[in-house]
Amino acid sequence: MSTSPTGIINLFLHPPLGTMSLELLPSEPYTGLVSVDRPRPGVGTDAFGIRYLVTEIPDGYGVTPGPGTNVIDRSVVAISVIHRLFDGQLIESQGQSFRTSSGQLLFQESFPLRVVLEMAPGIGVRLWWLLVL
């Protein structure tokens, strides 16, 4: 297996998806409102993104098969990326809602403090960090 260069500049750039790997978050399935992080010394969350897969869906949700992932008739997962500013204030730097049974969000800014996810009622998801190891 080949490795990609990891100079200091590369730590802040988004690598191509093909160079990333997945790290499963424990304690699945995630439901309701959750906050996750992957802290490392000197930085916040040292991942490049987060991936989800809907594993539990209640009756009554409309699901349409799609070419890569199934489309659901309402938002099932909302993801917010939280950063801490130099003065200590917390801000949401990125947010998105999803209507698909799987997907990912690549972070626009490096090293978020945490990632907050809210799943619709009855929805359970499995989560992975997108990493370069």
Protein backbone atom coordinates (compact mmCIF):
# COMPACT_ATOMS: atom_id res chain seq x y z
CA MET A 1 0.00 0.00 0.00
CA SER A 2 1.38 3.39 -0.94
CA THR A 3 1.26 6.39 1.34
CA SER A 4 0.53 9.97 0.41
CA PRO A 5 2.88 12.82 1.37
CA THR A 6 1.87 14.53 4.61
CA GLY A 7 3.82 17.78 4.77
CA ILE A 8 2.50 20.62 6.94
CA ILE A 9 0.72 22.27 3.99
CA ASN A 10 -1.03 19.00 3.12
CA LEU A 11 -2.51 18.85 6.63
CA PHE A 12 -4.66 21.89 5.80
CA LEU A 13 -5.67 20.96 2.25
CA HIS A 14 -8.55 18.67 1.39
CA PRO A 15 -7.08 15.46 0.06
CA PRO A 16 -8.75 13.57 -2.79
CA LEU A 17 -11.47 11.18 -1.61
CA GLY A 18 -9.49 8.23 -2.97
CA THR A 19 -6.71 8.86 -0.44
CA MET A 20 -9.03 8.83 2.58
CA SER A 21 -10.09 6.02 4.85
CA LEU A 22 -13.01 5.61 7.25
CA GLU A 23 -12.85 5.33 11.04
CA LEU A 24 -16.06 4.06 12.63
CA LEU A 25 -17.40 6.05 15.59
CA PRO A 26 -18.40 3.78 18.50
CA SER A 27 -21.79 3.66 20.27
CA GLU A 28 -24.04 3.25 17.27
CA PRO A 29 -26.76 3.76 16.30
CA TYR A 30 -26.80 7.51 16.83
CA THR A 31 -30.26 9.02 17.27
CA GLY A 32 -31.68 12.43 18.16
CA LEU A 33 -29.22 15.28 18.79
CA VAL A 34 -25.55 14.30 19.23
CA SER A 35 -22.21 16.08 19.35
CA VAL A 36 -19.06 14.21 18.30
CA ASP A 37 -15.38 15.09 18.17
CA ARG A 38 -12.00 13.50 17.55
CA PRO A 39 -9.65 15.68 19.60
CA ARG A 40 -5.91 15.56 19.18
CA PRO A 41 -3.26 17.60 21.01
CA GLY A 42 -3.15 21.17 19.74
CA VAL A 43 -6.12 20.86 17.37
CA GLY A 44 -9.83 20.22 17.52
CA THR A 45 -11.22 17.40 15.44
CA ASP A 46 -8.46 16.20 13.13
CA ALA A 47 -10.65 14.61 10.47
CA PHE A 48 -11.41 15.93 6.98
CA GLY A 49 -15.12 15.10 7.13
CA ILE A 50 -17.85 12.85 8.46
CA ARG A 51 -19.90 10.13 6.75
CA TYR A 52 -23.28 8.71 7.77
CA LEU A 53 -25.42 5.72 6.86
CA VAL A 54 -29.07 5.48 7.88
CA THR A 55 -29.52 2.08 9.60
CA GLU A 56 -32.94 2.60 11.18
CA ILE A 57 -35.93 4.18 9.47
CA PRO A 58 -39.52 4.02 10.74
CA ASP A 59 -42.59 3.07 8.76
CA GLY A 60 -44.20 6.02 7.02
CA TYR A 61 -41.04 7.50 5.52
CA GLY A 62 -41.12 7.47 1.72
CA VAL A 63 -37.95 5.98 0.23
CA THR A 64 -37.14 6.19 -3.49
CA PRO A 65 -34.28 4.03 -4.79
CA GLY A 66 -31.52 6.10 -6.35
CA PRO A 67 -28.48 5.30 -8.48
CA GLY A 68 -25.99 5.71 -5.63
CA THR A 69 -28.11 6.13 -2.52
CA ASN A 70 -31.79 6.08 -1.67
CA VAL A 71 -33.66 9.39 -1.47
CA ILE A 72 -36.04 9.92 1.45
CA ASP A 73 -39.11 12.16 1.32
CA ARG A 74 -37.90 14.43 4.13
CA SER A 75 -34.66 15.54 5.81
CA VAL A 76 -33.29 12.73 7.93
CA VAL A 77 -29.88 14.06 9.02
CA ALA A 78 -28.69 17.61 9.70
CA ILE A 79 -24.97 18.24 10.25
CA SER A 80 -23.40 21.39 11.73
CA VAL A 81 -19.65 21.99 11.98
CA ILE A 82 -18.63 24.07 15.01
CA HIS A 83 -15.39 26.05 15.33
CA ARG A 84 -13.96 28.03 18.24
CA LEU A 85 -12.69 31.51 17.35
CA PHE A 86 -9.50 32.97 18.80
CA ASP A 87 -11.57 34.98 21.33
CA GLY A 88 -13.34 31.80 22.53
CA GLN A 89 -16.65 32.33 20.75
CA LEU A 90 -18.28 29.31 19.10
CA ILE A 91 -19.63 29.61 15.56
CA GLU A 92 -21.25 27.28 13.08
CA SER A 93 -18.93 27.36 10.09
CA GLN A 94 -20.90 24.95 7.95
CA GLY A 95 -24.31 23.27 8.02
CA GLN A 96 -26.29 20.99 5.76
CA SER A 97 -29.44 18.84 5.84
CA PHE A 98 -29.63 15.53 3.99
CA ARG A 99 -32.53 13.57 2.47
CA THR A 100 -30.43 10.56 1.45
CA SER A 101 -29.80 7.23 3.17
CA SER A 102 -26.04 7.81 3.11
CA GLY A 103 -23.75 10.75 2.54
CA GLN A 104 -20.75 12.71 3.74
CA LEU A 105 -19.77 16.23 4.56
CA LEU A 106 -16.20 17.36 3.90
CA PHE A 107 -15.16 20.16 6.24
CA GLN A 108 -14.58 23.52 4.51
CA GLU A 109 -12.30 24.66 7.36
CA SER A 110 -9.67 22.51 9.07
CA PHE A 111 -9.84 21.27 12.66
CA PRO A 112 -13.40 21.98 13.83
CA LEU A 113 -14.08 21.88 17.56
CA ARG A 114 -16.93 19.41 17.13
CA VAL A 115 -19.62 18.20 14.77
CA VAL A 116 -23.28 18.33 15.82
CA LEU A 117 -25.77 16.00 14.15
CA GLU A 118 -29.52 15.87 14.50
CA MET A 119 -31.42 12.86 13.21
CA ALA A 120 -35.15 13.03 12.46
CA PRO A 121 -37.48 11.15 14.84
CA GLY A 122 -37.04 7.39 14.49
CA ILE A 123 -33.86 7.67 12.40
CA GLY A 124 -30.72 5.85 13.54
CA VAL A 125 -27.35 6.29 11.82
CA ARG A 126 -23.88 4.81 11.79
CA LEU A 127 -21.04 7.38 11.62
CA TRP A 128 -17.46 7.42 10.33
CA TRP A 129 -14.72 10.04 10.29
CA LEU A 130 -13.04 10.66 6.92
CA LEU A 131 -9.30 10.50 7.57
CA VAL A 132 -5.95 10.31 5.85
CA LEU A 133 -3.80 7.82 7.72
